[in-house]
Amino acid sequence: MPTRRIFGTVFAASLVGLAVGCGGSAAPAPDSAPLTLDAWKAMPAGGKYEPHTLERLKQGDPKLQDDRAWEKFTRDVLLPAKKKDGVAKTL
């Protein structure tokens, strides 16, 4: 009988621990979290120009969510950065 009680207590404590650990708000995964301009500039060229990364950049800066502002950013910042990083593909 004592073994069952110990097992039951450990099992119940485990369930409570899981429930507490799973609660609360989870932080977004790093590959889906909004991205600041400074963080984007510091990224290596490999993933910097991927569509998903650029979308994260738009989410991270409310000014870039406007289509005209995004076009200006593309022309004034993104294209020169691509040339500097040696990434010659067009968007």
PDB file of N, CA and C in Angstrom:
ATOM      1  N   MET A   1       0.803  -1.209   0.000  1.00  0.00           N
ATOM      2  CA  MET A   1       0.000   0.000   0.000  1.00  0.00           C
ATOM      3  C   MET A   1       0.845   1.273   0.000  1.00  0.00           C
ATOM      4  N   PRO A   2       1.915   1.361   0.798  1.00  0.00           N
ATOM      5  CA  PRO A   2       2.698   2.592   0.807  1.00  0.00           C
ATOM      6  C   PRO A   2       3.293   2.893  -0.568  1.00  0.00           C
ATOM      7  N   THR A   3       3.632   1.871  -1.343  1.00  0.00           N
ATOM      8  CA  THR A   3       4.214   2.092  -2.663  1.00  0.00           C
ATOM      9  C   THR A   3       3.202   2.784  -3.577  1.00  0.00           C
ATOM     10  N   ARG A   4       1.949   2.366  -3.497  1.00  0.00           N
ATOM     11  CA  ARG A   4       0.904   3.012  -4.297  1.00  0.00           C
ATOM     12  C   ARG A   4       0.729   4.469  -3.906  1.00  0.00           C
ATOM     13  N   ARG A   5       0.777   4.728  -2.620  1.00  0.00           N
ATOM     14  CA  ARG A   5       0.601   6.097  -2.146  1.00  0.00           C
ATOM     15  C   ARG A   5       1.752   6.986  -2.628  1.00  0.00           C
ATOM     16  N   ILE A   6       2.977   6.463  -2.544  1.00  0.00           N
ATOM     17  CA  ILE A   6       4.142   7.223  -2.994  1.00  0.00           C
ATOM     18  C   ILE A   6       4.045   7.465  -4.493  1.00  0.00           C
ATOM     19  N   PHE A   7       3.699   6.402  -5.237  1.00  0.00           N
ATOM     20  CA  PHE A   7       3.559   6.535  -6.678  1.00  0.00           C
ATOM     21  C   PHE A   7       2.470   7.559  -7.017  1.00  0.00           C
ATOM     22  N   GLY A   8       1.355   7.493  -6.332  1.00  0.00           N
ATOM     23  CA  GLY A   8       0.264   8.436  -6.581  1.00  0.00           C
ATOM     24  C   GLY A   8       0.674   9.873  -6.278  1.00  0.00           C
ATOM     25  N   THR A   9       1.409  10.053  -5.186  1.00  0.00           N
ATOM     26  CA  THR A   9       1.865  11.387  -4.822  1.00  0.00           C
ATOM     27  C   THR A   9       2.847  11.929  -5.860  1.00  0.00           C
ATOM     28  N   VAL A  10       3.775  11.106  -6.288  1.00  0.00           N
ATOM     29  CA  VAL A  10       4.760  11.528  -7.299  1.00  0.00           C
ATOM     30  C   VAL A  10       4.050  11.833  -8.615  1.00  0.00           C
ATOM     31  N   PHE A  11       3.105  10.993  -8.988  1.00  0.00           N
ATOM     32  CA  PHE A  11       2.360  11.198 -10.223  1.00  0.00           C
ATOM     33  C   PHE A  11       1.568  12.499 -10.171  1.00  0.00           C
ATOM     34  N   ALA A  12       0.879  12.734  -9.067  1.00  0.00           N
ATOM     35  CA  ALA A  12       0.094  13.964  -8.920  1.00  0.00           C
ATOM     36  C   ALA A  12       1.003  15.192  -8.938  1.00  0.00           C
ATOM     37  N   ALA A  13       2.143  15.123  -8.279  1.00  0.00           N
ATOM     38  CA  ALA A  13       3.084  16.241  -8.276  1.00  0.00           C
ATOM     39  C   ALA A  13       3.621  16.498  -9.680  1.00  0.00           C
ATOM     40  N   SER A  14       3.841  15.433 -10.439  1.00  0.00           N
ATOM     41  CA  SER A  14       4.317  15.583 -11.813  1.00  0.00           C
ATOM     42  C   SER A  14       3.280  16.283 -12.671  1.00  0.00           C
ATOM     43  N   LEU A  15       2.027  15.893 -12.517  1.00  0.00           N
ATOM     44  CA  LEU A  15       0.960  16.540 -13.283  1.00  0.00           C
ATOM     45  C   LEU A  15       0.833  18.015 -12.934  1.00  0.00           C
ATOM     46  N   VAL A  16       0.927  18.328 -11.661  1.00  0.00           N
ATOM     47  CA  VAL A  16       0.858  19.726 -11.232  1.00  0.00           C
ATOM     48  C   VAL A  16       2.044  20.503 -11.798  1.00  0.00           C
ATOM     49  N   GLY A  17       3.215  19.896 -11.763  1.00  0.00           N
ATOM     50  CA  GLY A  17       4.402  20.549 -12.312  1.00  0.00           C
ATOM     51  C   GLY A  17       4.273  20.812 -13.795  1.00  0.00           C
ATOM     52  N   LEU A  18       3.721  19.857 -14.529  1.00  0.00           N
ATOM     53  CA  LEU A  18       3.505  20.054 -15.955  1.00  0.00           C
ATOM     54  C   LEU A  18       2.483  21.158 -16.215  1.00  0.00           C
ATOM     55  N   ALA A  19       1.424  21.166 -15.432  1.00  0.00           N
ATOM     56  CA  ALA A  19       0.388  22.185 -15.619  1.00  0.00           C
ATOM     57  C   ALA A  19       0.931  23.579 -15.345  1.00  0.00           C
ATOM     58  N   VAL A  20       1.725  23.715 -14.317  1.00  0.00           N
ATOM     59  CA  VAL A  20       2.299  25.014 -13.984  1.00  0.00           C
ATOM     60  C   VAL A  20       3.333  25.415 -15.032  1.00  0.00           C
ATOM     61  N   GLY A  21       4.132  24.470 -15.473  1.00  0.00           N
ATOM     62  CA  GLY A  21       5.163  24.759 -16.465  1.00  0.00           C
ATOM     63  C   GLY A  21       4.593  25.119 -17.818  1.00  0.00           C
ATOM     64  N   CYS A  22       3.447  24.574 -18.161  1.00  0.00           N
ATOM     65  CA  CYS A  22       2.848  24.839 -19.465  1.00  0.00           C
ATOM     66  C   CYS A  22       1.992  26.097 -19.466  1.00  0.00           C
ATOM     67  N   GLY A  23       1.696  26.625 -18.304  1.00  0.00           N
ATOM     68  CA  GLY A  23       0.846  27.797 -18.249  1.00  0.00           C
ATOM     69  C   GLY A  23       1.607  29.064 -18.573  1.00  0.00           C
ATOM     70  N   GLY A  24       0.913  30.148 -18.681  1.00  0.00           N
ATOM     71  CA  GLY A  24       1.548  31.430 -18.951  1.00  0.00           C
ATOM     72  C   GLY A  24       1.737  31.636 -20.436  1.00  0.00           C
ATOM     73  N   SER A  25       2.193  32.818 -20.790  1.00  0.00           N
ATOM     74  CA  SER A  25       2.377  33.115 -22.199  1.00  0.00           C
ATOM     75  C   SER A  25       3.768  32.690 -22.634  1.00  0.00           C
ATOM     76  N   ALA A  26       3.806  32.016 -23.734  1.00  0.00           N
ATOM     77  CA  ALA A  26       5.083  31.566 -24.274  1.00  0.00           C
ATOM     78  C   ALA A  26       5.658  32.664 -25.156  1.00  0.00           C
ATOM     79  N   ALA A  27       6.948  32.831 -25.091  1.00  0.00           N
ATOM     80  CA  ALA A  27       7.612  33.796 -25.960  1.00  0.00           C
ATOM     81  C   ALA A  27       7.617  33.245 -27.375  1.00  0.00           C
ATOM     82  N   PRO A  28       7.488  34.107 -28.380  1.00  0.00           N
ATOM     83  CA  PRO A  28       7.511  33.607 -29.746  1.00  0.00           C
ATOM     84  C   PRO A  28       8.872  32.989 -30.073  1.00  0.00           C
ATOM     85  N   ALA A  29       8.852  32.002 -30.923  1.00  0.00           N
ATOM     86  CA  ALA A  29      10.099  31.367 -31.338  1.00  0.00           C
ATOM     87  C   ALA A  29      10.996  32.409 -32.008  1.00  0.00           C
ATOM     88  N   PRO A  30      12.297  32.285 -31.809  1.00  0.00           N
ATOM     89  CA  PRO A  30      13.200  33.287 -32.377  1.00  0.00           C
ATOM     90  C   PRO A  30      13.070  33.455 -33.885  1.00  0.00           C
ATOM     91  N   ASP A  31      12.714  32.387 -34.597  1.00  0.00           N
ATOM     92  CA  ASP A  31      12.606  32.507 -36.043  1.00  0.00           C
ATOM     93  C   ASP A  31      11.264  33.059 -36.501  1.00  0.00           C
ATOM     94  N   SER A  32      10.382  33.396 -35.572  1.00  0.00           N
ATOM     95  CA  SER A  32       9.106  34.003 -35.957  1.00  0.00           C
ATOM     96  C   SER A  32       8.826  35.301 -35.207  1.00  0.00           C
ATOM     97  N   ALA A  33       9.717  35.686 -34.315  1.00  0.00           N
ATOM     98  CA  ALA A  33       9.543  36.914 -33.548  1.00  0.00           C
ATOM     99  C   ALA A  33       9.813  38.124 -34.442  1.00  0.00           C
ATOM    100  N   PRO A  34       9.135  39.246 -34.189  1.00  0.00           N
ATOM    101  CA  PRO A  34       9.425  40.459 -34.947  1.00  0.00           C
ATOM    102  C   PRO A  34      10.904  40.830 -34.823  1.00  0.00           C
ATOM    103  N   LEU A  35      11.413  41.470 -35.849  1.00  0.00           N
ATOM    104  CA  LEU A  35      12.838  41.758 -35.957  1.00  0.00           C
ATOM    105  C   LEU A  35      13.047  43.265 -36.056  1.00  0.00           C
ATOM    106  N   THR A  36      13.956  43.801 -35.274  1.00  0.00           N
ATOM    107  CA  THR A  36      14.260  45.230 -35.364  1.00  0.00           C
ATOM    108  C   THR A  36      15.224  45.464 -36.522  1.00  0.00           C
ATOM    109  N   LEU A  37      15.304  46.708 -36.971  1.00  0.00           N
ATOM    110  CA  LEU A  37      16.198  47.056 -38.066  1.00  0.00           C
ATOM    111  C   LEU A  37      17.653  46.809 -37.674  1.00  0.00           C
ATOM    112  N   ASP A  38      18.013  47.161 -36.443  1.00  0.00           N
ATOM    113  CA  ASP A  38      19.385  46.938 -35.986  1.00  0.00           C
ATOM    114  C   ASP A  38      19.725  45.447 -35.955  1.00  0.00           C
ATOM    115  N   ALA A  39      18.789  44.631 -35.491  1.00  0.00           N
ATOM    116  CA  ALA A  39      19.023  43.179 -35.454  1.00  0.00           C
ATOM    117  C   ALA A  39      19.133  42.631 -36.872  1.00  0.00           C
ATOM    118  N   TRP A  40      18.314  43.140 -37.784  1.00  0.00           N
ATOM    119  CA  TRP A  40      18.375  42.695 -39.181  1.00  0.00           C
ATOM    120  C   TRP A  40      19.724  43.060 -39.798  1.00  0.00           C
ATOM    121  N   LYS A  41      20.174  44.278 -39.551  1.00  0.00           N
ATOM    122  CA  LYS A  41      21.459  44.718 -40.107  1.00  0.00           C
ATOM    123  C   LYS A  41      22.613  43.868 -39.585  1.00  0.00           C
ATOM    124  N   ALA A  42      22.507  43.368 -38.359  1.00  0.00           N
ATOM    125  CA  ALA A  42      23.574  42.576 -37.748  1.00  0.00           C
ATOM    126  C   ALA A  42      23.562  41.116 -38.208  1.00  0.00           C
ATOM    127  N   MET A  43      22.517  40.697 -38.902  1.00  0.00           N
ATOM    128  CA  MET A  43      22.403  39.307 -39.341  1.00  0.00           C
ATOM    129  C   MET A  43      23.411  38.996 -40.439  1.00  0.00           C
ATOM    130  N   PRO A  44      23.827  37.725 -40.539  1.00  0.00           N
ATOM    131  CA  PRO A  44      24.670  37.326 -41.663  1.00  0.00           C
ATOM    132  C   PRO A  44      23.847  37.325 -42.954  1.00  0.00           C
ATOM    133  N   ALA A  45      24.516  37.500 -44.069  1.00  0.00           N
ATOM    134  CA  ALA A  45      23.830  37.618 -45.363  1.00  0.00           C
ATOM    135  C   ALA A  45      23.029  36.372 -45.727  1.00  0.00           C
ATOM    136  N   GLY A  46      23.383  35.226 -45.182  1.00  0.00           N
ATOM    137  CA  GLY A  46      22.729  33.970 -45.546  1.00  0.00           C
ATOM    138  C   GLY A  46      21.217  33.971 -45.446  1.00  0.00           C
ATOM    139  N   GLY A  47      20.656  34.393 -44.331  1.00  0.00           N
ATOM    140  CA  GLY A  47      19.207  34.364 -44.158  1.00  0.00           C
ATOM    141  C   GLY A  47      18.576  35.738 -44.111  1.00  0.00           C
ATOM    142  N   LYS A  48      19.391  36.743 -44.240  1.00  0.00           N
ATOM    143  CA  LYS A  48      18.946  38.128 -44.091  1.00  0.00           C
ATOM    144  C   LYS A  48      17.891  38.546 -45.116  1.00  0.00           C
ATOM    145  N   TYR A  49      17.949  37.992 -46.313  1.00  0.00           N
ATOM    146  CA  TYR A  49      17.071  38.428 -47.399  1.00  0.00           C
ATOM    147  C   TYR A  49      15.978  37.422 -47.723  1.00  0.00           C
ATOM    148  N   GLU A  50      15.820  36.433 -46.871  1.00  0.00           N
ATOM    149  CA  GLU A  50      14.743  35.457 -47.059  1.00  0.00           C
ATOM    150  C   GLU A  50      13.396  36.150 -46.847  1.00  0.00           C
ATOM    151  N   PRO A  51      12.375  35.761 -47.610  1.00  0.00           N
ATOM    152  CA  PRO A  51      11.055  36.404 -47.458  1.00  0.00           C
ATOM    153  C   PRO A  51      10.534  36.369 -46.023  1.00  0.00           C
ATOM    154  N   HIS A  52      10.750  35.258 -45.327  1.00  0.00           N
ATOM    155  CA  HIS A  52      10.270  35.136 -43.948  1.00  0.00           C
ATOM    156  C   HIS A  52      10.971  36.161 -43.047  1.00  0.00           C
ATOM    157  N   THR A  53      12.265  36.344 -43.258  1.00  0.00           N
ATOM    158  CA  THR A  53      13.027  37.299 -42.457  1.00  0.00           C
ATOM    159  C   THR A  53      12.565  38.724 -42.734  1.00  0.00           C
ATOM    160  N   LEU A  54      12.336  39.038 -43.995  1.00  0.00           N
ATOM    161  CA  LEU A  54      11.871  40.384 -44.341  1.00  0.00           C
ATOM    162  C   LEU A  54      10.473  40.646 -43.783  1.00  0.00           C
ATOM    163  N   GLU A  55       9.654  39.613 -43.733  1.00  0.00           N
ATOM    164  CA  GLU A  55       8.324  39.770 -43.127  1.00  0.00           C
ATOM    165  C   GLU A  55       8.447  40.049 -41.635  1.00  0.00           C
ATOM    166  N   ARG A  56       9.378  39.374 -40.971  1.00  0.00           N
ATOM    167  CA  ARG A  56       9.624  39.638 -39.544  1.00  0.00           C
ATOM    168  C   ARG A  56      10.097  41.066 -39.335  1.00  0.00           C
ATOM    169  N   LEU A  57      10.906  41.569 -40.266  1.00  0.00           N
ATOM    170  CA  LEU A  57      11.377  42.946 -40.190  1.00  0.00           C
ATOM    171  C   LEU A  57      10.208  43.917 -40.312  1.00  0.00           C
ATOM    172  N   LYS A  58       9.298  43.644 -41.230  1.00  0.00           N
ATOM    173  CA  LYS A  58       8.093  44.484 -41.368  1.00  0.00           C
ATOM    174  C   LYS A  58       7.283  44.493 -40.073  1.00  0.00           C
ATOM    175  N   GLN A  59       7.145  43.329 -39.446  1.00  0.00           N
ATOM    176  CA  GLN A  59       6.385  43.226 -38.203  1.00  0.00           C
ATOM    177  C   GLN A  59       7.063  43.987 -37.076  1.00  0.00           C
ATOM    178  N   GLY A  60       8.380  44.046 -37.107  1.00  0.00           N
ATOM    179  CA  GLY A  60       9.126  44.682 -36.031  1.00  0.00           C
ATOM    180  C   GLY A  60       9.164  46.188 -36.092  1.00  0.00           C
ATOM    181  N   ASP A  61       8.844  46.770 -37.240  1.00  0.00           N
ATOM    182  CA  ASP A  61       8.875  48.217 -37.391  1.00  0.00           C
ATOM    183  C   ASP A  61       7.561  48.686 -38.003  1.00  0.00           C
ATOM    184  N   PRO A  62       6.687  49.295 -37.218  1.00  0.00           N
ATOM    185  CA  PRO A  62       5.376  49.711 -37.736  1.00  0.00           C
ATOM    186  C   PRO A  62       5.473  50.632 -38.957  1.00  0.00           C
ATOM    187  N   LYS A  63       6.540  51.422 -39.044  1.00  0.00           N
ATOM    188  CA  LYS A  63       6.685  52.320 -40.197  1.00  0.00           C
ATOM    189  C   LYS A  63       6.831  51.537 -41.503  1.00  0.00           C
ATOM    190  N   LEU A  64       7.409  50.362 -41.453  1.00  0.00           N
ATOM    191  CA  LEU A  64       7.639  49.573 -42.650  1.00  0.00           C
ATOM    192  C   LEU A  64       6.411  48.796 -43.105  1.00  0.00           C
ATOM    193  N   GLN A  65       5.345  48.846 -42.351  1.00  0.00           N
ATOM    194  CA  GLN A  65       4.132  48.120 -42.716  1.00  0.00           C
ATOM    195  C   GLN A  65       3.337  48.843 -43.800  1.00  0.00           C
ATOM    196  N   ASP A  66       3.610  50.110 -43.995  1.00  0.00           N
ATOM    197  CA  ASP A  66       2.990  50.879 -45.076  1.00  0.00           C
ATOM    198  C   ASP A  66       3.696  50.510 -46.388  1.00  0.00           C
ATOM    199  N   ASP A  67       2.922  50.258 -47.457  1.00  0.00           N
ATOM    200  CA  ASP A  67       3.502  49.824 -48.722  1.00  0.00           C
ATOM    201  C   ASP A  67       4.502  50.829 -49.295  1.00  0.00           C
ATOM    202  N   ARG A  68       4.175  52.094 -49.223  1.00  0.00           N
ATOM    203  CA  ARG A  68       5.083  53.111 -49.760  1.00  0.00           C
ATOM    204  C   ARG A  68       6.376  53.182 -48.954  1.00  0.00           C
ATOM    205  N   ALA A  69       6.255  53.071 -47.650  1.00  0.00           N
ATOM    206  CA  ALA A  69       7.443  53.090 -46.790  1.00  0.00           C
ATOM    207  C   ALA A  69       8.304  51.851 -47.056  1.00  0.00           C
ATOM    208  N   TRP A  70       7.664  50.700 -47.283  1.00  0.00           N
ATOM    209  CA  TRP A  70       8.417  49.494 -47.576  1.00  0.00           C
ATOM    210  C   TRP A  70       9.165  49.623 -48.910  1.00  0.00           C
ATOM    211  N   GLU A  71       8.506  50.204 -49.914  1.00  0.00           N
ATOM    212  CA  GLU A  71       9.164  50.420 -51.207  1.00  0.00           C
ATOM    213  C   GLU A  71      10.370  51.345 -51.048  1.00  0.00           C
ATOM    214  N   LYS A  72      10.218  52.393 -50.269  1.00  0.00           N
ATOM    215  CA  LYS A  72      11.327  53.319 -50.023  1.00  0.00           C
ATOM    216  C   LYS A  72      12.454  52.599 -49.278  1.00  0.00           C
ATOM    217  N   PHE A  73      12.110  51.807 -48.282  1.00  0.00           N
ATOM    218  CA  PHE A  73      13.104  51.046 -47.538  1.00  0.00           C
ATOM    219  C   PHE A  73      13.839  50.085 -48.474  1.00  0.00           C
ATOM    220  N   THR A  74      13.089  49.425 -49.348  1.00  0.00           N
ATOM    221  CA  THR A  74      13.693  48.495 -50.297  1.00  0.00           C
ATOM    222  C   THR A  74      14.698  49.213 -51.189  1.00  0.00           C
ATOM    223  N   ARG A  75      14.316  50.357 -51.690  1.00  0.00           N
ATOM    224  CA  ARG A  75      15.167  51.132 -52.598  1.00  0.00           C
ATOM    225  C   ARG A  75      16.384  51.716 -51.877  1.00  0.00           C
ATOM    226  N   ASP A  76      16.160  52.301 -50.700  1.00  0.00           N
ATOM    227  CA  ASP A  76      17.215  53.059 -50.020  1.00  0.00           C
ATOM    228  C   ASP A  76      18.105  52.228 -49.096  1.00  0.00           C
ATOM    229  N   VAL A  77      17.577  51.140 -48.557  1.00  0.00           N
ATOM    230  CA  VAL A  77      18.338  50.359 -47.570  1.00  0.00           C
ATOM    231  C   VAL A  77      18.590  48.929 -48.051  1.00  0.00           C
ATOM    232  N   LEU A  78      17.536  48.250 -48.464  1.00  0.00           N
ATOM    233  CA  LEU A  78      17.633  46.834 -48.778  1.00  0.00           C
ATOM    234  C   LEU A  78      18.527  46.559 -49.995  1.00  0.00           C
ATOM    235  N   LEU A  79      18.290  47.235 -51.104  1.00  0.00           N
ATOM    236  CA  LEU A  79      19.083  46.992 -52.303  1.00  0.00           C
ATOM    237  C   LEU A  79      20.556  47.342 -52.105  1.00  0.00           C
ATOM    238  N   PRO A  80      20.895  48.493 -51.504  1.00  0.00           N
ATOM    239  CA  PRO A  80      22.314  48.753 -51.235  1.00  0.00           C
ATOM    240  C   PRO A  80      22.950  47.713 -50.299  1.00  0.00           C
ATOM    241  N   ALA A  81      22.184  47.231 -49.313  1.00  0.00           N
ATOM    242  CA  ALA A  81      22.708  46.218 -48.400  1.00  0.00           C
ATOM    243  C   ALA A  81      22.966  44.915 -49.145  1.00  0.00           C
ATOM    244  N   LYS A  82      22.082  44.566 -50.086  1.00  0.00           N
ATOM    245  CA  LYS A  82      22.278  43.359 -50.880  1.00  0.00           C
ATOM    246  C   LYS A  82      23.543  43.460 -51.723  1.00  0.00           C
ATOM    247  N   LYS A  83      23.779  44.636 -52.295  1.00  0.00           N
ATOM    248  CA  LYS A  83      24.999  44.823 -53.093  1.00  0.00           C
ATOM    249  C   LYS A  83      26.230  44.704 -52.203  1.00  0.00           C
ATOM    250  N   LYS A  84      26.163  45.303 -51.027  1.00  0.00           N
ATOM    251  CA  LYS A  84      27.282  45.264 -50.090  1.00  0.00           C
ATOM    252  C   LYS A  84      27.569  43.827 -49.646  1.00  0.00           C
ATOM    253  N   ASP A  85      26.504  43.049 -49.412  1.00  0.00           N
ATOM    254  CA  ASP A  85      26.668  41.669 -48.962  1.00  0.00           C
ATOM    255  C   ASP A  85      26.949  40.700 -50.123  1.00  0.00           C
ATOM    256  N   GLY A  86      26.906  41.205 -51.355  1.00  0.00           N
ATOM    257  CA  GLY A  86      27.179  40.353 -52.496  1.00  0.00           C
ATOM    258  C   GLY A  86      26.032  39.461 -52.887  1.00  0.00           C
ATOM    259  N   VAL A  87      24.837  39.861 -52.555  1.00  0.00           N
ATOM    260  CA  VAL A  87      23.628  39.105 -52.908  1.00  0.00           C
ATOM    261  C   VAL A  87      22.970  39.868 -54.048  1.00  0.00           C
ATOM    262  N   ALA A  88      23.149  39.391 -55.288  1.00  0.00           N
ATOM    263  CA  ALA A  88      22.740  40.155 -56.449  1.00  0.00           C
ATOM    264  C   ALA A  88      21.314  39.873 -56.928  1.00  0.00           C
ATOM    265  N   LYS A  89      20.631  38.910 -56.344  1.00  0.00           N
ATOM    266  CA  LYS A  89      19.264  38.604 -56.780  1.00  0.00           C
ATOM    267  C   LYS A  89      18.361  39.795 -56.544  1.00  0.00           C
ATOM    268  N   THR A  90      17.375  39.970 -57.409  1.00  0.00           N
ATOM    269  CA  THR A  90      16.392  41.026 -57.209  1.00  0.00           C
ATOM    270  C   THR A  90      15.242  40.485 -56.385  1.00  0.00           C
ATOM    271  N   LEU A  91      14.530  41.366 -55.751  1.00  0.00           N
ATOM    272  CA  LEU A  91      13.397  40.945 -54.917  1.00  0.00           C
ATOM    273  C   LEU A  91      12.188  40.632 -55.719  1.00  0.00           C
TER     274      LEU A  91
END
